[in-house]
Amino acid sequence: MMNSASDSQIQSETDQLSLSDVNQSINIPGPGWRRWLAFVGPGFLVSVGYMDPGNWGTDLAGGSRFGYALLWVIVVSNLMAQFLQVLCARLGLVTGKDLAMACRDYYSKPIATVLWILCELAIISCDLAEVVGSAVALNLLFKIPLEIGVLITGLDVLLLLGFMKFGFRKIEAIVITLVATIFFCFAYEIASAKPDWPAALKGTLIPTMPSVGAWLIAIGILGATVMPHNLYLHSSIVQTRKKGKEKSDVKDAIKYNTVETIVALSLAFLVNAAILILAASVFGKSGIAVEQLQDGHKLLQSALGGASATVFAVALLASGQSSTITGTLAGQIVMEGFMRWKLKPWIRRTITRLLAIVPAIAIIHFSGGKDTVQLLVISQVVLSMQLPFAIFPLMAITSDRRQMGIFTNSNLVKFVGYSICFIIAALNAFLIFQGLFDKK
């Protein structure tokens, strides 16, 4: 354990609100479930990225256009996400580096710079979805114009700075509360919608692709589920749960963080599946393709009543705000990890938010706030396009014994991991090919 002087230094630096400075050991009480609870936090913080407005857009589009047919895509995507996030947790716990730092040290400077730029583009695309989703929710709940709503979402920078003063655990508690809000909101929605469960089970277990157009949404679901910035985020914040440097300590940390990751992302899967099932049961059976989040709200109001529509808007707001917190933290980690740029926290987070707010206002202004679902789908496809540039390095570094020692990937993990990498890359290549040559 750290000595008292070291503890005082860390506390002082934490008060300056630098995320990397809260990556310290924690006291873990007792054996069993109490010991596991001490590790709860990072996985749930990461899980909000798997139920953000980008997921809403792809799931609403998939369910309203193709019914329950694309549920299996959510299942496969979530399993891929669990596998990759567990690897990120292992990387952070074993090496003491986040994925950005590891890439900077593993690759030449030009390659690391390219990876950083691509990751920043992904974060901007993800943030775009989050601020648009939050703005739509504010519009639905309080009739605030979309452009003003986007500006209001920028206040989460000030909120995040304020919450960090109380410790990183408080951030985790807030996000877990928002995740619980989303979960219970959709539990209510599903109970009200009365889905066709046999059809939902068929869509979950039997892979089908209803049309060529479904590929865009399927890849959007993949990009919305396996999110690049979450890989960087998880490999950093998981270090807040590392205790000791002995092999047994690291093994325990890996074990408990793995369980927490699987539990958290399984709950995220239930939320994603619920969104698609809700869209299929309310919109899909009526042949209504949801083009705007606002339309989803109106249709729910007419189909299930005002309470259901309000719950939809509340869940959307919780989704957008929780995701902006994690997206901002990820932007900080990526900038520091790749480029070693040490900026004041408020400057760093303001830059990250502005990179999303400015294009969001421009897009909303010129589109008149229309086609928000299509905008969200496209933003998630961009994430999918960037994903190989995060997961191939992740696999390469965690498969290198010089980096991971005895915790290097086994042959089975290498096979599964690289298979996921090549499948995602092939799907992206197919989508590009379809866009270039499909004239239909």
Protein backbone atom coordinates (compact mmCIF):
# COMPACT_ATOMS: atom_id res chain seq x y z
CA MET A 1 0.00 0.00 0.00
CA MET A 2 1.05 3.64 -0.46
CA ASN A 3 2.56 5.58 2.42
CA SER A 4 0.79 8.55 3.96
CA ALA A 5 2.90 11.12 2.13
CA SER A 6 2.07 9.51 -1.18
CA ASP A 7 -1.61 9.39 -0.24
CA SER A 8 -1.57 13.10 0.59
CA GLN A 9 0.08 13.93 -2.70
CA ILE A 10 -2.51 11.95 -4.64
CA GLN A 11 -5.36 13.62 -2.77
CA SER A 12 -3.88 17.04 -3.50
CA GLU A 13 -3.54 16.24 -7.20
CA THR A 14 -7.04 14.74 -7.32
CA ASP A 15 -8.37 18.06 -6.05
CA GLN A 16 -6.90 19.56 -9.22
CA LEU A 17 -9.32 17.36 -11.16
CA SER A 18 -6.93 15.31 -13.30
CA LEU A 19 -8.42 11.92 -14.14
CA SER A 20 -5.07 10.15 -14.32
CA ASP A 21 -4.33 11.18 -10.75
CA VAL A 22 -7.25 9.22 -9.30
CA ASN A 23 -5.83 5.94 -10.61
CA GLN A 24 -4.81 4.88 -7.14
CA SER A 25 -5.19 1.75 -5.05
CA ILE A 26 -8.34 1.30 -3.00
CA ASN A 27 -9.06 -0.61 0.18
CA ILE A 28 -10.94 -3.79 -0.61
CA PRO A 29 -13.08 -5.06 2.29
CA GLY A 30 -13.35 -8.75 3.05
CA PRO A 31 -13.84 -11.73 0.77
CA GLY A 32 -16.66 -12.74 -1.57
CA TRP A 33 -19.38 -10.45 -2.82
CA ARG A 34 -18.19 -7.51 -0.70
CA ARG A 35 -14.80 -7.77 -2.35
CA TRP A 36 -16.44 -7.80 -5.80
CA LEU A 37 -18.55 -4.75 -4.93
CA ALA A 38 -15.36 -2.79 -4.31
CA PHE A 39 -14.56 -3.24 -8.00
CA VAL A 40 -18.00 -2.11 -9.22
CA GLY A 41 -17.86 1.19 -11.07
CA PRO A 42 -15.61 1.24 -14.15
CA GLY A 43 -17.69 -1.33 -16.05
CA PHE A 44 -20.90 0.57 -15.43
CA LEU A 45 -19.22 3.84 -16.34
CA VAL A 46 -18.22 2.27 -19.65
CA SER A 47 -21.64 0.65 -20.16
CA VAL A 48 -23.38 4.00 -20.65
CA GLY A 49 -21.64 4.24 -24.01
CA TYR A 50 -23.58 1.14 -25.02
CA MET A 51 -26.95 2.77 -24.41
CA ASP A 52 -26.30 6.32 -25.64
CA PRO A 53 -28.44 8.24 -28.18
CA GLY A 54 -26.43 6.66 -30.99
CA ASN A 55 -27.76 3.28 -29.90
CA TRP A 56 -31.23 4.76 -29.76
CA GLY A 57 -30.97 5.91 -33.36
CA THR A 58 -29.75 2.59 -34.75
CA ASP A 59 -32.12 0.49 -32.64
CA LEU A 60 -35.16 2.64 -33.41
CA ALA A 61 -34.32 2.53 -37.12
CA GLY A 62 -33.74 -1.22 -37.06
CA GLY A 63 -36.89 -2.05 -35.11
CA SER A 64 -39.22 0.29 -36.99
CA ARG A 65 -38.02 -0.80 -40.44
CA PHE A 66 -37.24 -4.49 -39.97
CA GLY A 67 -39.16 -5.55 -36.88
CA TYR A 68 -37.33 -7.99 -34.64
CA ALA A 69 -35.04 -9.29 -37.40
CA LEU A 70 -31.88 -7.45 -36.29
CA LEU A 71 -31.97 -8.44 -32.62
CA TRP A 72 -29.25 -11.01 -33.28
CA VAL A 73 -26.94 -8.17 -34.38
CA ILE A 74 -27.28 -6.61 -30.91
CA VAL A 75 -26.46 -9.98 -29.33
CA VAL A 76 -23.33 -10.54 -31.43
CA SER A 77 -22.19 -6.93 -31.05
CA ASN A 78 -22.58 -7.08 -27.28
CA LEU A 79 -20.57 -10.30 -27.04
CA MET A 80 -17.81 -8.68 -29.10
CA ALA A 81 -17.94 -5.64 -26.81
CA GLN A 82 -17.65 -7.76 -23.67
CA PHE A 83 -14.63 -9.60 -25.10
CA LEU A 84 -12.83 -6.39 -26.11
CA GLN A 85 -13.63 -4.48 -22.92
CA VAL A 86 -12.31 -7.34 -20.79
CA LEU A 87 -9.06 -7.18 -22.78
CA CYS A 88 -8.86 -3.43 -22.16
CA ALA A 89 -9.34 -3.95 -18.44
CA ARG A 90 -6.56 -6.53 -18.46
CA LEU A 91 -4.26 -4.18 -20.38
CA GLY A 92 -4.77 -1.37 -17.87
CA LEU A 93 -4.37 -3.56 -14.80
CA VAL A 94 -1.26 -5.39 -16.02
CA THR A 95 0.70 -2.57 -17.67
CA GLY A 96 -0.53 0.44 -15.72
CA LYS A 97 -1.15 2.16 -19.05
CA ASP A 98 -4.34 3.05 -20.87
CA LEU A 99 -4.69 1.99 -24.49
CA ALA A 100 -3.62 5.42 -25.79
CA MET A 101 -0.42 5.40 -23.75
CA ALA A 102 0.28 1.81 -24.76
CA CYS A 103 -0.15 2.67 -28.46
CA ARG A 104 2.13 5.69 -28.11
CA ASP A 105 4.88 3.51 -26.63
CA TYR A 106 4.29 0.53 -28.93
CA TYR A 107 4.17 2.27 -32.32
CA SER A 108 6.28 4.88 -34.06
CA LYS A 109 5.29 8.52 -33.57
CA PRO A 110 3.70 8.93 -37.06
CA ILE A 111 1.52 5.84 -36.59
CA ALA A 112 0.54 6.87 -33.07
CA THR A 113 -0.39 10.33 -34.35
CA VAL A 114 -2.63 8.85 -37.05
CA LEU A 115 -4.31 6.61 -34.45
CA TRP A 116 -4.88 9.66 -32.25
CA ILE A 117 -6.49 11.68 -35.06
CA LEU A 118 -8.78 8.79 -35.99
CA CYS A 119 -9.78 8.35 -32.36
CA GLU A 120 -10.55 12.06 -32.01
CA LEU A 121 -12.80 11.84 -35.07
CA ALA A 122 -14.62 8.93 -33.46
CA ILE A 123 -15.07 10.87 -30.22
CA ILE A 124 -16.44 13.86 -32.14
CA SER A 125 -18.88 11.58 -33.98
CA CYS A 126 -19.97 9.96 -30.73
CA ASP A 127 -20.29 13.31 -28.95
CA LEU A 128 -22.37 14.58 -31.85
CA ALA A 129 -24.90 11.82 -31.24
CA GLU A 130 -24.94 12.48 -27.52
CA VAL A 131 -25.50 16.23 -27.69
CA VAL A 132 -28.17 15.84 -30.37
CA GLY A 133 -29.94 13.21 -28.25
CA SER A 134 -29.82 15.39 -25.16
CA ALA A 135 -31.05 18.43 -27.12
CA VAL A 136 -33.99 16.44 -28.50
CA ALA A 137 -34.86 15.23 -24.99
CA LEU A 138 -34.82 18.81 -23.64
CA ASN A 139 -37.04 19.84 -26.53
CA LEU A 140 -39.53 17.06 -25.83
CA LEU A 141 -39.64 17.67 -22.09
CA PHE A 142 -39.39 21.47 -21.88
CA LYS A 143 -39.98 22.72 -25.47
CA ILE A 144 -36.46 24.17 -25.59
CA PRO A 145 -35.31 24.85 -29.19
CA LEU A 146 -32.80 22.29 -30.42
CA GLU A 147 -29.97 24.80 -30.95
CA ILE A 148 -30.37 26.12 -27.40
CA GLY A 149 -30.57 22.54 -26.11
CA VAL A 150 -27.22 21.75 -27.72
CA LEU A 151 -25.65 24.73 -25.95
CA ILE A 152 -27.12 23.65 -22.63
CA THR A 153 -25.46 20.26 -23.00
CA GLY A 154 -22.16 22.10 -22.88
CA LEU A 155 -22.84 22.80 -19.21
CA ASP A 156 -21.99 19.18 -18.44
CA VAL A 157 -18.37 20.35 -18.58
CA LEU A 158 -18.97 22.52 -15.52
CA LEU A 159 -20.94 19.76 -13.82
CA LEU A 160 -18.16 17.25 -14.42
CA LEU A 161 -15.56 19.62 -13.00
CA GLY A 162 -17.73 20.13 -9.93
CA PHE A 163 -18.37 16.44 -9.36
CA MET A 164 -14.68 15.58 -9.68
CA LYS A 165 -14.01 17.67 -6.57
CA PHE A 166 -15.88 15.03 -4.55
CA GLY A 167 -13.87 12.11 -5.93
CA PHE A 168 -14.13 9.75 -8.85
CA ARG A 169 -16.46 7.43 -6.95
CA LYS A 170 -19.09 10.18 -7.00
CA ILE A 171 -18.89 10.32 -10.79
CA GLU A 172 -19.43 6.56 -10.90
CA ALA A 173 -22.40 6.79 -8.53
CA ILE A 174 -24.06 9.49 -10.65
CA VAL A 175 -23.59 7.51 -13.85
CA ILE A 176 -24.86 4.29 -12.25
CA THR A 177 -27.97 6.20 -11.12
CA LEU A 178 -28.53 7.42 -14.70
CA VAL A 179 -28.04 3.88 -16.01
CA ALA A 180 -30.63 2.59 -13.53
CA THR A 181 -33.03 5.33 -14.67
CA ILE A 182 -32.66 4.24 -18.31
CA PHE A 183 -33.11 0.59 -17.39
CA PHE A 184 -36.30 1.10 -15.40
CA CYS A 185 -37.73 3.47 -17.99
CA PHE A 186 -37.45 0.82 -20.67
CA ALA A 187 -38.74 -1.88 -18.37
CA TYR A 188 -41.87 0.26 -18.10
CA GLU A 189 -42.00 0.83 -21.87
CA ILE A 190 -41.71 -2.88 -22.66
CA ALA A 191 -44.40 -3.75 -20.13
CA SER A 192 -46.69 -1.21 -21.81
CA ALA A 193 -45.88 -2.25 -25.40
CA LYS A 194 -46.65 -5.98 -24.99
CA PRO A 195 -44.21 -7.23 -27.68
CA ASP A 196 -44.50 -10.39 -29.75
CA TRP A 197 -42.06 -12.42 -27.68
CA PRO A 198 -41.91 -15.48 -30.00
CA ALA A 199 -40.94 -13.17 -32.89
CA ALA A 200 -38.40 -11.43 -30.66
CA LEU A 201 -36.87 -14.77 -29.69
CA LYS A 202 -36.66 -15.77 -33.35
CA GLY A 203 -34.94 -12.49 -34.21
CA THR A 204 -32.49 -13.04 -31.37
CA LEU A 205 -31.49 -16.61 -32.25
CA ILE A 206 -31.79 -16.78 -36.06
CA PRO A 207 -29.47 -14.44 -38.05
CA THR A 208 -31.21 -12.84 -41.02
CA MET A 209 -30.61 -9.74 -43.15
CA PRO A 210 -34.00 -8.56 -44.48
CA SER A 211 -32.59 -6.37 -47.25
CA VAL A 212 -29.43 -4.77 -48.53
CA GLY A 213 -30.46 -1.57 -46.77
CA ALA A 214 -30.41 -3.40 -43.45
CA TRP A 215 -26.62 -3.66 -43.70
CA LEU A 216 -26.22 0.06 -42.98
CA ILE A 217 -28.29 -0.20 -39.82
CA ALA A 218 -26.61 -3.46 -38.78
CA ILE A 219 -23.16 -1.90 -39.05
CA GLY A 220 -24.48 1.18 -37.27
CA ILE A 221 -25.63 -1.08 -34.43
CA LEU A 222 -22.16 -2.61 -34.36
CA GLY A 223 -20.51 0.84 -34.23
CA ALA A 224 -22.93 1.99 -31.53
CA THR A 225 -22.25 -1.10 -29.42
CA VAL A 226 -18.51 -1.66 -29.79
CA MET A 227 -17.40 1.95 -29.31
CA PRO A 228 -13.73 2.88 -29.87
CA HIS A 229 -13.48 5.56 -27.20
CA ASN A 230 -14.83 3.16 -24.57
CA LEU A 231 -11.79 0.94 -25.11
CA TYR A 232 -9.47 3.83 -24.23
CA LEU A 233 -11.67 4.92 -21.33
CA HIS A 234 -11.95 1.48 -19.72
CA SER A 235 -8.23 0.75 -19.86
CA SER A 236 -7.65 3.95 -17.85
CA ILE A 237 -10.40 4.05 -15.23
CA VAL A 238 -10.09 0.35 -14.42
CA GLN A 239 -6.79 1.20 -12.75
CA THR A 240 -8.75 2.84 -9.94
CA ARG A 241 -9.48 -0.73 -8.83
CA LYS A 242 -5.92 -2.05 -8.91
CA LYS A 243 -4.49 -3.14 -5.57
CA GLY A 244 -0.88 -4.13 -5.13
CA LYS A 245 1.69 -5.26 -7.67
CA GLU A 246 1.94 -8.95 -6.79
CA LYS A 247 0.75 -11.43 -9.41
CA SER A 248 -2.01 -12.64 -7.11
CA ASP A 249 -3.26 -9.06 -6.65
CA VAL A 250 -3.33 -8.47 -10.40
CA LYS A 251 -5.10 -11.79 -10.98
CA ASP A 252 -7.77 -10.86 -8.42
CA ALA A 253 -8.23 -7.43 -10.01
CA ILE A 254 -8.58 -8.99 -13.46
CA LYS A 255 -11.09 -11.54 -12.19
CA TYR A 256 -13.34 -9.10 -10.38
CA ASN A 257 -13.18 -6.48 -13.12
CA THR A 258 -14.04 -9.13 -15.70
CA VAL A 259 -17.16 -10.12 -13.76
CA GLU A 260 -18.16 -6.47 -13.32
CA THR A 261 -17.67 -5.77 -17.02
CA ILE A 262 -19.80 -8.73 -18.07
CA VAL A 263 -22.60 -7.80 -15.64
CA ALA A 264 -22.60 -4.12 -16.69
CA LEU A 265 -22.56 -4.81 -20.44
CA SER A 266 -25.23 -7.48 -20.07
CA LEU A 267 -27.51 -4.84 -18.58
CA ALA A 268 -26.59 -2.55 -21.47
CA PHE A 269 -27.58 -5.35 -23.84
CA LEU A 270 -31.02 -5.54 -22.20
CA VAL A 271 -31.51 -1.80 -22.73
CA ASN A 272 -30.43 -1.97 -26.38
CA ALA A 273 -32.64 -4.96 -27.03
CA ALA A 274 -35.54 -3.19 -25.30
CA ILE A 275 -35.21 -0.15 -27.59
CA LEU A 276 -35.32 -2.30 -30.72
CA ILE A 277 -38.15 -4.45 -29.35
CA LEU A 278 -40.13 -1.35 -28.43
CA ALA A 279 -39.65 0.07 -31.93
CA ALA A 280 -40.63 -3.23 -33.53
CA SER A 281 -43.73 -3.72 -31.40
CA VAL A 282 -45.05 -0.14 -31.60
CA PHE A 283 -43.78 1.15 -34.96
CA GLY A 284 -42.71 -1.88 -36.99
CA LYS A 285 -46.05 -3.65 -36.94
CA SER A 286 -47.68 -0.46 -38.23
CA GLY A 287 -45.15 -0.09 -41.05
CA ILE A 288 -43.90 3.25 -39.68
CA ALA A 289 -40.19 3.98 -40.15
CA VAL A 290 -38.97 6.33 -37.44
CA GLU A 291 -36.91 9.12 -39.03
CA GLN A 292 -36.73 11.45 -36.03
CA LEU A 293 -36.49 10.89 -32.29
CA GLN A 294 -39.33 13.38 -31.98
CA ASP A 295 -41.51 11.11 -34.13
CA GLY A 296 -40.78 8.21 -31.80
CA HIS A 297 -42.02 10.32 -28.90
CA LYS A 298 -45.21 11.34 -30.72
CA LEU A 299 -45.98 7.82 -31.90
CA LEU A 300 -45.48 6.42 -28.42
CA GLN A 301 -47.83 9.05 -27.06
CA SER A 302 -50.55 8.08 -29.50
CA ALA A 303 -49.97 4.33 -29.13
CA LEU A 304 -49.23 3.93 -25.42
CA GLY A 305 -50.24 7.22 -23.82
CA GLY A 306 -48.63 10.37 -22.48
CA ALA A 307 -46.87 8.65 -19.56
CA SER A 308 -45.00 6.33 -21.92
CA ALA A 309 -43.92 9.25 -24.11
CA THR A 310 -42.64 11.17 -21.08
CA VAL A 311 -40.72 8.13 -19.84
CA PHE A 312 -39.16 7.87 -23.32
CA ALA A 313 -37.94 11.48 -23.13
CA VAL A 314 -36.62 11.10 -19.58
CA ALA A 315 -34.66 8.00 -20.56
CA LEU A 316 -33.26 9.81 -23.62
CA LEU A 317 -32.08 12.71 -21.46
CA ALA A 318 -30.46 10.34 -18.93
CA SER A 319 -28.81 8.51 -21.82
CA GLY A 320 -27.39 11.66 -23.40
CA GLN A 321 -26.10 13.19 -20.18
CA SER A 322 -24.49 10.02 -18.84
CA SER A 323 -22.79 9.42 -22.18
CA THR A 324 -21.44 12.96 -22.44
CA ILE A 325 -19.68 12.47 -19.11
CA THR A 326 -17.87 9.34 -20.28
CA GLY A 327 -17.20 10.81 -23.73
CA THR A 328 -15.55 13.87 -22.19
CA LEU A 329 -13.39 11.71 -19.92
CA ALA A 330 -12.39 9.57 -22.89
CA GLY A 331 -11.35 12.67 -24.83
CA GLN A 332 -9.08 13.67 -21.97
CA ILE A 333 -7.52 10.21 -21.76
CA VAL A 334 -6.88 10.03 -25.50
CA MET A 335 -5.32 13.50 -25.70
CA GLU A 336 -3.02 12.90 -22.74
CA GLY A 337 -2.19 9.32 -23.67
CA PHE A 338 -1.28 9.80 -27.32
CA MET A 339 0.17 13.31 -27.31
CA ARG A 340 1.27 13.86 -23.68
CA TRP A 341 -0.48 17.22 -23.74
CA LYS A 342 -1.03 18.47 -20.22
CA LEU A 343 -3.78 21.07 -20.26
CA LYS A 344 -5.83 22.41 -17.41
CA PRO A 345 -8.89 20.15 -16.94
CA TRP A 346 -11.45 22.86 -17.75
CA ILE A 347 -9.61 23.76 -20.98
CA ARG A 348 -9.27 20.12 -21.99
CA ARG A 349 -12.93 19.33 -21.40
CA THR A 350 -14.16 22.54 -23.01
CA ILE A 351 -12.23 21.72 -26.19
CA THR A 352 -13.69 18.22 -26.23
CA ARG A 353 -17.25 19.53 -25.88
CA LEU A 354 -16.81 22.29 -28.47
CA LEU A 355 -15.62 19.75 -31.05
CA ALA A 356 -19.08 18.19 -30.82
CA ILE A 357 -21.29 21.20 -30.09
CA VAL A 358 -20.19 23.34 -33.04
CA PRO A 359 -20.94 20.72 -35.76
CA ALA A 360 -24.13 19.69 -33.93
CA ILE A 361 -25.50 23.25 -34.05
CA ALA A 362 -24.51 23.58 -37.72
CA ILE A 363 -26.18 20.31 -38.70
CA ILE A 364 -29.36 21.08 -36.77
CA HIS A 365 -29.52 24.58 -38.23
CA PHE A 366 -29.15 23.50 -41.85
CA SER A 367 -31.36 20.42 -41.53
CA GLY A 368 -34.04 22.16 -39.53
CA GLY A 369 -33.75 19.45 -36.88
CA LYS A 370 -35.06 16.79 -39.25
CA ASP A 371 -33.82 13.24 -39.87
CA THR A 372 -32.23 12.98 -36.42
CA VAL A 373 -32.41 9.19 -36.48
CA GLN A 374 -30.54 9.02 -39.80
CA LEU A 375 -27.95 11.43 -38.41
CA LEU A 376 -27.44 9.17 -35.40
CA VAL A 377 -27.14 6.07 -37.60
CA ILE A 378 -24.48 7.73 -39.77
CA SER A 379 -22.54 8.87 -36.70
CA GLN A 380 -22.44 5.29 -35.44
CA VAL A 381 -21.30 3.98 -38.83
CA VAL A 382 -18.38 6.42 -38.55
CA LEU A 383 -17.54 4.82 -35.20
CA SER A 384 -17.60 1.39 -36.79
CA MET A 385 -15.23 2.59 -39.52
CA GLN A 386 -12.75 3.76 -36.89
CA LEU A 387 -13.08 0.68 -34.71
CA PRO A 388 -10.42 -1.49 -36.46
CA PHE A 389 -7.83 1.21 -35.72
CA ALA A 390 -8.43 0.65 -32.01
CA ILE A 391 -8.98 -3.11 -31.80
CA PHE A 392 -6.06 -4.27 -33.96
CA PRO A 393 -3.60 -2.35 -31.74
CA LEU A 394 -5.38 -3.69 -28.66
CA MET A 395 -4.92 -7.25 -29.86
CA ALA A 396 -1.30 -6.67 -30.88
CA ILE A 397 -0.30 -5.16 -27.53
CA THR A 398 -2.13 -7.66 -25.32
CA SER A 399 -0.64 -10.52 -27.38
CA ASP A 400 2.92 -9.24 -26.83
CA ARG A 401 4.64 -11.04 -23.95
CA ARG A 402 7.06 -8.15 -23.53
CA GLN A 403 4.09 -5.95 -22.62
CA MET A 404 1.86 -8.40 -20.73
CA GLY A 405 4.22 -11.01 -19.29
CA ILE A 406 2.34 -14.04 -17.98
CA PHE A 407 -0.95 -12.27 -18.73
CA THR A 408 -0.40 -12.25 -22.49
CA ASN A 409 -3.27 -13.53 -24.63
CA SER A 410 -3.60 -17.28 -25.05
CA ASN A 411 -3.81 -18.78 -28.53
CA LEU A 412 -7.58 -19.11 -28.15
CA VAL A 413 -7.96 -15.45 -27.16
CA LYS A 414 -5.77 -14.44 -30.09
CA PHE A 415 -7.90 -16.47 -32.50
CA VAL A 416 -11.19 -15.06 -31.20
CA GLY A 417 -9.85 -11.52 -30.95
CA TYR A 418 -8.32 -11.34 -34.40
CA SER A 419 -11.42 -13.00 -35.86
CA ILE A 420 -13.49 -10.16 -34.39
CA CYS A 421 -11.05 -7.63 -35.83
CA PHE A 422 -11.20 -9.06 -39.34
CA ILE A 423 -14.99 -9.51 -39.26
CA ILE A 424 -15.50 -5.86 -38.32
CA ALA A 425 -13.00 -4.69 -40.96
CA ALA A 426 -14.69 -6.87 -43.60
CA LEU A 427 -18.13 -5.50 -42.74
CA ASN A 428 -16.86 -1.95 -43.04
CA ALA A 429 -15.24 -2.76 -46.39
CA PHE A 430 -18.52 -4.27 -47.58
CA LEU A 431 -20.42 -1.14 -46.58
CA ILE A 432 -17.96 1.07 -48.47
CA PHE A 433 -18.19 -1.19 -51.52
CA GLN A 434 -21.98 -1.11 -51.36
CA GLY A 435 -21.96 2.68 -51.12
CA LEU A 436 -19.66 3.04 -54.13
CA PHE A 437 -21.22 0.52 -56.48
CA ASP A 438 -24.81 -0.08 -55.40
CA LYS A 439 -26.93 2.17 -57.59
CA LYS A 440 -30.26 1.06 -56.23
